[in-house]
């Protein structure tokens, strides 16, 4: 009959191999869940529907046919639980496939089964269930989620700006505030580089003051505890030239036993301006006070080899409660080192000196 099928060029019994073998790969049946099947392709629509209908959501991450899924499917018959959408993310069995599963990666699911809830108030905000993955406990949690119609208030993050964190000392009350601050007061001594040549585009104090603001911002953002407060002040050393010298220290390790400040004012390494503007009360007292670091406040020098002159710091961190301070000699131009210095002060890992007598008396008198 011509070398072909006499009945019409194919399987005479209906278009295919009637015996199920040969002729290509068999199609694997898709897993079927008693809950709504949720995938990376439809999860957005699934949650949007819950928002529109104001329903709580219960989402189960589990393998196909898992007993917990079948137990949760029975919730459909409980009247009180009909205010919820129940979904099932069908997860593969092999660890390799699980590692590449889109939704498992998105929701950071490492162990199965995993349960996620959202409330009627916020159907799209899924939160992981931390209780036992058993139907009894999940049912109770779902009831609470259905009854919850409130929304979590989103905390408005206050943007921290360095320029708003620093204060320029222009009167005695501001110095008082730093000296009395019940936390850590960071005080920078810096010539105001913008005096006499300001315009609306110039920052108060110049580029180093701007860097000081950046330092303040970095420290506040990086603080691990809110208990210890930090305040930032800067003082124009053109206007108040002697204040910084009360904090003069020696960075020679042999001189660590010496008091803060030189024994002889002639050792001050930074020349003082010959003319100064009129200063407010406490600052004026500090400028004109006959007491100098190393007088009544001096401690005995334990090492006779300590002959290095004391240096005036660019930055000090004052701990008023302990009547101590730590000094940083390099200035804020070395911002990473200055940040490390303040971090170590906050951790209690920085060498400190007693507050100079003149400064301490001024603080005590103001209190």
Protein backbone atom coordinates (compact mmCIF):
# COMPACT_ATOMS: atom_id res chain seq x y z
CA UNK A 1 0.00 0.00 0.00
CA UNK A 2 2.84 2.38 -0.59
CA UNK A 3 5.00 2.06 2.50
CA UNK A 4 2.93 4.21 4.81
CA UNK A 5 0.10 4.02 7.24
CA UNK A 6 -2.94 3.01 5.20
CA UNK A 7 -5.17 4.70 7.75
CA UNK A 8 -3.99 8.25 7.29
CA UNK A 9 -0.36 9.02 8.24
CA UNK A 10 -0.54 8.92 12.00
CA UNK A 11 -1.78 7.06 14.96
CA UNK A 12 -5.08 5.61 13.83
CA UNK A 13 -6.32 5.75 17.41
CA UNK A 14 -6.17 9.50 17.95
CA UNK A 15 -3.11 11.65 17.48
CA UNK A 16 -0.24 10.41 19.55
CA UNK A 17 1.35 7.39 21.07
CA UNK A 18 -1.56 5.58 22.72
CA UNK A 19 0.76 3.53 24.91
CA UNK A 20 2.68 6.35 26.61
CA UNK A 21 6.18 5.33 25.54
CA UNK A 22 8.53 6.58 22.90
CA UNK A 23 7.86 9.74 20.96
CA UNK A 24 9.40 12.30 23.38
CA UNK A 25 9.55 13.41 27.06
CA UNK A 26 6.45 13.26 29.19
CA UNK A 27 5.12 16.53 30.71
CA UNK A 28 5.59 16.64 34.49
CA UNK A 29 2.38 17.57 36.31
CA UNK A 30 2.47 20.97 38.01
CA UNK A 31 2.29 20.89 41.83
CA UNK A 32 -1.15 21.69 43.10
CA UNK A 33 -1.76 23.30 46.47
CA UNK A 34 -5.00 23.51 48.46
CA UNK A 35 -4.06 27.21 49.00
CA UNK A 36 -3.53 29.96 46.45
CA UNK A 37 -0.24 29.24 44.72
CA UNK A 38 2.08 32.25 45.03
CA UNK A 39 5.09 32.72 42.76
CA UNK A 40 7.50 35.53 41.93
CA UNK A 41 5.28 36.26 38.96
CA UNK A 42 2.00 36.75 40.85
CA UNK A 43 2.95 37.80 44.40
CA UNK A 44 2.44 41.47 43.61
CA UNK A 45 -1.10 40.81 42.34
CA UNK A 46 -1.76 38.49 45.31
CA UNK A 47 -0.84 41.22 47.82
CA UNK A 48 -2.60 43.96 45.85
CA UNK A 49 -5.82 41.94 45.98
CA UNK A 50 -5.43 41.65 49.77
CA UNK A 51 -4.97 45.43 50.03
CA UNK A 52 -8.03 46.08 47.89
CA UNK A 53 -10.19 43.67 49.89
CA UNK A 54 -8.59 44.72 53.22
CA UNK A 55 -7.69 41.17 54.11
CA UNK A 56 -4.90 39.87 56.30
CA UNK A 57 -2.40 37.58 54.58
CA UNK A 58 -0.91 34.25 55.61
CA UNK A 59 1.87 33.04 53.33
CA UNK A 60 3.41 29.59 53.78
CA UNK A 61 6.81 28.69 52.36
CA UNK A 62 6.83 24.88 52.16
CA UNK A 63 7.39 21.98 49.80
CA UNK A 64 4.60 20.53 47.69
CA UNK A 65 2.20 18.40 49.75
CA UNK A 66 3.60 19.46 53.12
CA UNK A 67 1.33 18.45 56.03
CA UNK A 68 1.33 22.02 57.43
CA UNK A 69 -0.14 23.34 54.18
CA UNK A 70 -2.97 20.81 54.39
CA UNK A 71 -3.61 21.79 58.03
CA UNK A 72 -3.74 25.50 57.13
CA UNK A 73 -6.13 24.73 54.25
CA UNK A 74 -8.71 23.75 56.89
CA UNK A 75 -8.74 27.42 58.03
CA UNK A 76 -10.96 28.11 55.01
CA UNK A 77 -13.82 26.43 56.82
CA UNK A 78 -13.48 28.52 59.98
CA UNK A 79 -15.78 31.54 59.86
CA UNK A 80 -13.53 33.81 61.92
CA UNK A 81 -10.61 33.20 59.55
CA UNK A 82 -12.40 34.07 56.34
CA UNK A 83 -11.00 37.60 56.54
CA UNK A 84 -7.61 36.34 55.38
CA UNK A 85 -5.94 35.42 52.11
CA UNK A 86 -4.06 32.14 52.36
CA UNK A 87 -1.13 31.58 50.04
CA UNK A 88 1.45 28.87 49.47
CA UNK A 89 4.91 29.44 48.02
CA UNK A 90 5.82 25.97 46.73
CA UNK A 91 9.52 25.47 47.44
CA UNK A 92 11.84 22.86 45.92
CA UNK A 93 13.24 20.01 48.00
CA UNK A 94 16.90 20.25 47.02
CA UNK A 95 19.13 22.77 48.85
CA UNK A 96 20.69 23.85 45.55
CA UNK A 97 17.34 24.74 44.03
CA UNK A 98 16.24 26.44 47.26
CA UNK A 99 19.31 28.68 47.17
CA UNK A 100 18.22 29.98 43.75
CA UNK A 101 14.51 30.27 44.51
CA UNK A 102 13.51 33.89 43.85
CA UNK A 103 11.03 34.35 46.72
CA UNK A 104 13.10 32.38 49.23
CA UNK A 105 16.00 34.72 48.47
CA UNK A 106 13.81 37.83 48.62
CA UNK A 107 12.34 36.96 52.02
CA UNK A 108 15.57 35.39 53.32
CA UNK A 109 14.00 32.00 53.98
CA UNK A 110 16.68 29.53 55.00
CA UNK A 111 14.57 26.86 56.69
CA UNK A 112 11.24 25.29 55.72
CA UNK A 113 8.45 25.58 56.52
CA UNK A 114 8.38 29.37 57.06
CA UNK A 115 5.30 31.47 57.77
CA UNK A 116 4.70 35.13 56.96
CA UNK A 117 1.78 37.28 58.11
CA UNK A 118 0.38 40.69 57.39
CA UNK A 119 -2.47 42.46 59.14
CA UNK A 120 -5.71 43.87 57.73
CA UNK A 121 -4.29 47.31 58.41
CA UNK A 122 -1.22 46.65 56.27
CA UNK A 123 -1.86 43.65 54.00
CA UNK A 124 1.24 44.20 51.88
CA UNK A 125 3.68 44.43 54.84
CA UNK A 126 4.66 40.80 55.38
CA UNK A 127 6.36 39.91 58.66
CA UNK A 128 7.90 36.57 59.60
CA UNK A 129 6.04 34.47 62.17
CA UNK A 130 8.43 33.66 65.02
CA UNK A 131 6.29 31.09 66.82
CA UNK A 132 6.09 27.31 66.44
CA UNK A 133 5.20 26.28 62.86
CA UNK A 134 2.14 24.36 64.02
CA UNK A 135 -1.48 24.95 62.97
CA UNK A 136 -2.68 25.68 66.53
CA UNK A 137 -0.29 28.60 67.05
CA UNK A 138 -0.61 29.87 63.48
CA UNK A 139 -4.41 30.01 63.85
CA UNK A 140 -4.16 32.19 66.96
CA UNK A 141 -1.69 34.53 65.26
CA UNK A 142 -3.90 34.78 62.18
CA UNK A 143 -6.89 35.77 64.32
CA UNK A 144 -4.84 38.62 65.78
CA UNK A 145 -3.71 39.69 62.30
CA UNK A 146 -7.32 39.77 61.06
CA UNK A 147 -8.43 41.90 64.01
CA UNK A 148 -5.56 44.35 63.64
CA UNK A 149 -6.61 47.26 61.46
CA UNK A 150 -4.02 49.77 62.65
CA UNK A 151 -1.04 50.87 60.60
CA UNK A 152 2.47 51.22 61.90
CA UNK A 153 3.51 54.83 61.83
CA UNK A 154 6.54 55.27 59.67
CA UNK A 155 9.23 57.01 61.61
CA UNK A 156 10.38 60.06 59.79
CA UNK A 157 14.11 59.90 59.70
CA UNK A 158 15.58 63.18 60.78
CA UNK A 159 18.30 64.08 58.40
CA UNK A 160 21.44 64.82 60.36
CA UNK A 161 23.35 67.82 59.06
CA UNK A 162 26.82 68.63 60.37
CA UNK A 163 26.31 72.40 60.24
CA UNK A 164 23.32 72.05 62.58
CA UNK A 165 25.30 69.98 65.09
CA UNK A 166 28.06 72.52 65.78
CA UNK A 167 27.85 75.77 67.77
CA UNK A 168 30.22 78.71 67.62
CA UNK A 169 31.17 80.05 71.07
CA UNK A 170 30.58 83.78 71.12
CA UNK A 171 29.67 84.38 74.75
CA UNK A 172 30.47 82.98 78.16
CA UNK A 173 27.17 81.09 78.51
CA UNK A 174 28.08 78.96 75.51
CA UNK A 175 31.45 78.03 77.00
CA UNK A 176 29.60 77.27 80.23
CA UNK A 177 27.27 74.94 78.32
CA UNK A 178 30.23 72.99 76.99
CA UNK A 179 32.00 72.81 80.37
CA UNK A 180 28.85 71.68 82.17
CA UNK A 181 27.59 69.32 79.45
CA UNK A 182 26.55 65.96 80.98
CA UNK A 183 28.09 63.86 78.30
CA UNK A 184 31.00 64.52 75.99
CA UNK A 185 31.68 68.07 74.80
CA UNK A 186 33.95 68.28 71.77
CA UNK A 187 35.61 71.70 71.54
CA UNK A 188 37.61 72.85 68.53
CA UNK A 189 39.97 75.82 68.53
CA UNK A 190 40.04 77.40 65.10
CA UNK A 191 40.66 80.83 63.63
CA UNK A 192 37.57 82.14 61.89
CA UNK A 193 38.90 82.38 58.37
CA UNK A 194 35.87 84.21 57.06
CA UNK A 195 36.10 87.31 59.30
CA UNK A 196 35.98 90.47 57.20
CA UNK A 197 35.32 88.67 53.92
CA UNK A 198 31.97 86.99 54.24
CA UNK A 199 29.29 86.85 51.64
CA UNK A 200 26.15 84.77 51.42
CA UNK A 201 28.00 81.91 49.70
CA UNK A 202 30.71 81.54 52.37
CA UNK A 203 30.38 79.20 55.32
CA UNK A 204 30.84 80.57 58.83
CA UNK A 205 34.38 79.84 59.99
CA UNK A 206 35.86 78.53 56.75
CA UNK A 207 36.64 75.05 55.35
CA UNK A 208 38.00 73.56 58.60
CA UNK A 209 34.81 74.48 60.45
CA UNK A 210 32.89 72.78 57.65
CA UNK A 211 35.09 69.70 58.19
CA UNK A 212 34.30 69.91 61.92
CA UNK A 213 30.61 69.72 60.99
CA UNK A 214 31.33 66.64 58.90
CA UNK A 215 33.18 65.09 61.83
CA UNK A 216 30.19 65.81 64.10
CA UNK A 217 27.83 64.23 61.59
CA UNK A 218 29.98 61.09 61.26
CA UNK A 219 30.26 60.66 65.05
CA UNK A 220 26.53 61.13 65.70
CA UNK A 221 25.55 58.73 62.92
CA UNK A 222 28.08 56.14 64.05
CA UNK A 223 27.22 56.25 67.76
CA UNK A 224 26.18 52.82 69.03
CA UNK A 225 24.43 54.13 72.14
CA UNK A 226 22.01 57.00 72.66
CA UNK A 227 22.75 57.16 76.38
CA UNK A 228 25.94 59.17 76.02
CA UNK A 229 25.19 62.51 74.41
CA UNK A 230 27.79 64.43 72.43
CA UNK A 231 27.88 68.20 71.87
CA UNK A 232 30.13 70.05 69.42
CA UNK A 233 31.42 73.61 69.89
CA UNK A 234 34.13 75.65 68.25
CA UNK A 235 35.88 78.73 69.54
CA UNK A 236 37.47 81.43 67.39
CA UNK A 237 41.11 81.49 68.50
CA UNK A 238 41.54 84.94 66.95
CA UNK A 239 39.02 86.34 69.40
CA UNK A 240 39.93 84.22 72.43
CA UNK A 241 43.61 83.37 71.91
CA UNK A 242 44.52 82.06 75.38
CA UNK A 243 41.71 79.59 76.08
CA UNK A 244 43.27 76.78 74.03
CA UNK A 245 46.53 77.11 75.97
CA UNK A 246 44.83 76.02 79.17
CA UNK A 247 44.52 72.62 77.48
CA UNK A 248 48.18 72.38 76.38
CA UNK A 249 49.47 68.81 76.73
CA UNK A 250 52.59 66.84 76.01
CA UNK A 251 52.36 63.96 73.55
CA UNK A 252 55.78 62.58 74.54
CA UNK A 253 55.10 59.22 76.27
CA UNK A 254 57.76 60.10 78.87
CA UNK A 255 55.70 63.11 79.88
CA UNK A 256 52.34 61.45 80.35
CA UNK A 257 52.66 61.87 84.11
CA UNK A 258 52.94 65.64 83.74
CA UNK A 259 49.92 67.86 84.29
CA UNK A 260 48.04 69.23 81.33
CA UNK A 261 49.57 72.52 80.32
CA UNK A 262 53.21 73.63 80.54
CA UNK A 263 54.88 74.57 83.79
CA UNK A 264 56.12 77.77 82.21
CA UNK A 265 53.91 79.82 79.84
CA UNK A 266 57.08 80.60 77.88
CA UNK A 267 56.95 77.01 76.66
CA UNK A 268 53.73 77.62 74.74
CA UNK A 269 54.55 76.75 71.17
CA UNK A 270 51.77 78.77 69.59
CA UNK A 271 52.35 82.51 69.59
CA UNK A 272 49.52 84.58 71.03
CA UNK A 273 48.14 87.57 69.10
CA UNK A 274 49.26 90.86 70.63
CA UNK A 275 45.83 92.47 70.40
CA UNK A 276 42.50 90.85 71.21
CA UNK A 277 38.94 92.03 71.12
CA UNK A 278 36.95 92.51 74.29
CA UNK A 279 35.84 89.17 75.75
CA UNK A 280 32.77 88.22 77.81
CA UNK A 281 32.93 87.49 81.55
CA UNK A 282 34.07 83.86 81.88
CA UNK A 283 36.19 84.00 78.77
CA UNK A 284 37.70 87.27 79.98
CA UNK A 285 38.49 85.61 83.28
CA UNK A 286 40.22 82.79 81.49
CA UNK A 287 42.17 85.22 79.33
CA UNK A 288 43.36 87.39 82.22
CA UNK A 289 43.46 84.87 85.06
CA UNK A 290 46.91 84.76 86.66
CA UNK A 291 46.53 81.02 87.27
CA UNK A 292 48.27 79.10 84.52
CA UNK A 293 48.40 75.40 83.82
CA UNK A 294 51.19 73.95 85.89
CA UNK A 295 50.73 76.28 88.90
CA UNK A 296 48.45 74.94 91.65
CA UNK A 297 47.13 72.35 89.24
CA UNK A 298 50.54 70.83 88.56
CA UNK A 299 51.42 67.27 89.38
CA UNK A 300 55.02 66.17 89.95
CA UNK A 301 56.92 65.07 86.87
CA UNK A 302 57.87 61.45 87.39
CA UNK A 303 60.49 61.30 84.66
CA UNK A 304 63.33 63.79 84.76
CA UNK A 305 63.91 63.27 81.03
CA UNK A 306 60.61 64.97 80.21
CA UNK A 307 61.83 68.25 78.76
CA UNK A 308 59.61 68.51 75.69
CA UNK A 309 57.41 71.60 75.49
CA UNK A 310 53.67 71.12 75.86
CA UNK A 311 51.59 71.59 72.72
CA UNK A 312 48.30 73.33 72.24
CA UNK A 313 45.63 70.92 70.90
CA UNK A 314 43.36 71.66 67.97
CA UNK A 315 40.53 69.62 69.47
CA UNK A 316 39.60 68.55 73.01
CA UNK A 317 36.96 66.13 74.27
CA UNK A 318 35.72 67.24 77.70
CA UNK A 319 34.16 64.84 80.19
CA UNK A 320 32.79 67.30 82.75
CA UNK A 321 31.45 64.64 85.11
CA UNK A 322 34.94 63.15 85.49
CA UNK A 323 36.63 66.58 85.30
CA UNK A 324 38.86 65.14 82.58
CA UNK A 325 39.66 65.86 78.97
CA UNK A 326 41.43 64.18 76.07
CA UNK A 327 43.43 66.18 73.53
CA UNK A 328 43.87 65.79 69.78
CA UNK A 329 46.82 67.71 68.35
CA UNK A 330 46.40 67.13 64.61
CA UNK A 331 43.15 68.97 63.87
CA UNK A 332 40.08 68.07 61.82
CA UNK A 333 41.97 68.15 58.51
CA UNK A 334 42.89 64.59 59.52
CA UNK A 335 39.18 63.77 59.76
CA UNK A 336 39.52 59.98 59.86
CA UNK A 337 42.07 60.22 62.68
CA UNK A 338 39.91 62.76 64.52
CA UNK A 339 36.94 60.40 64.19
CA UNK A 340 39.03 57.52 65.53
CA UNK A 341 40.14 59.75 68.44
CA UNK A 342 36.54 60.54 69.42
CA UNK A 343 35.48 56.91 69.01
CA UNK A 344 38.23 55.88 71.42
CA UNK A 345 37.17 58.59 73.87
CA UNK A 346 33.58 57.33 73.74
CA UNK A 347 34.84 53.78 74.37
CA UNK A 348 36.96 54.92 77.34
CA UNK A 349 40.12 53.89 75.50
CA UNK A 350 41.89 57.28 75.34
CA UNK A 351 44.41 58.82 77.73
CA UNK A 352 42.81 61.71 79.62
CA UNK A 353 44.15 64.68 81.59
CA UNK A 354 42.64 66.55 84.53
CA UNK A 355 40.73 69.65 83.51
CA UNK A 356 43.01 72.71 83.91
CA UNK A 357 42.35 74.57 87.14
CA UNK A 358 41.33 77.83 85.53
CA UNK A 359 38.78 76.10 83.32
CA UNK A 360 37.49 73.90 86.16
CA UNK A 361 37.07 76.89 88.49
CA UNK A 362 35.20 78.80 85.82
CA UNK A 363 32.87 75.86 85.33
CA UNK A 364 32.35 75.49 89.08
CA UNK A 365 31.66 79.21 89.49
CA UNK A 366 29.12 79.11 86.68
CA UNK A 367 27.31 76.08 88.08
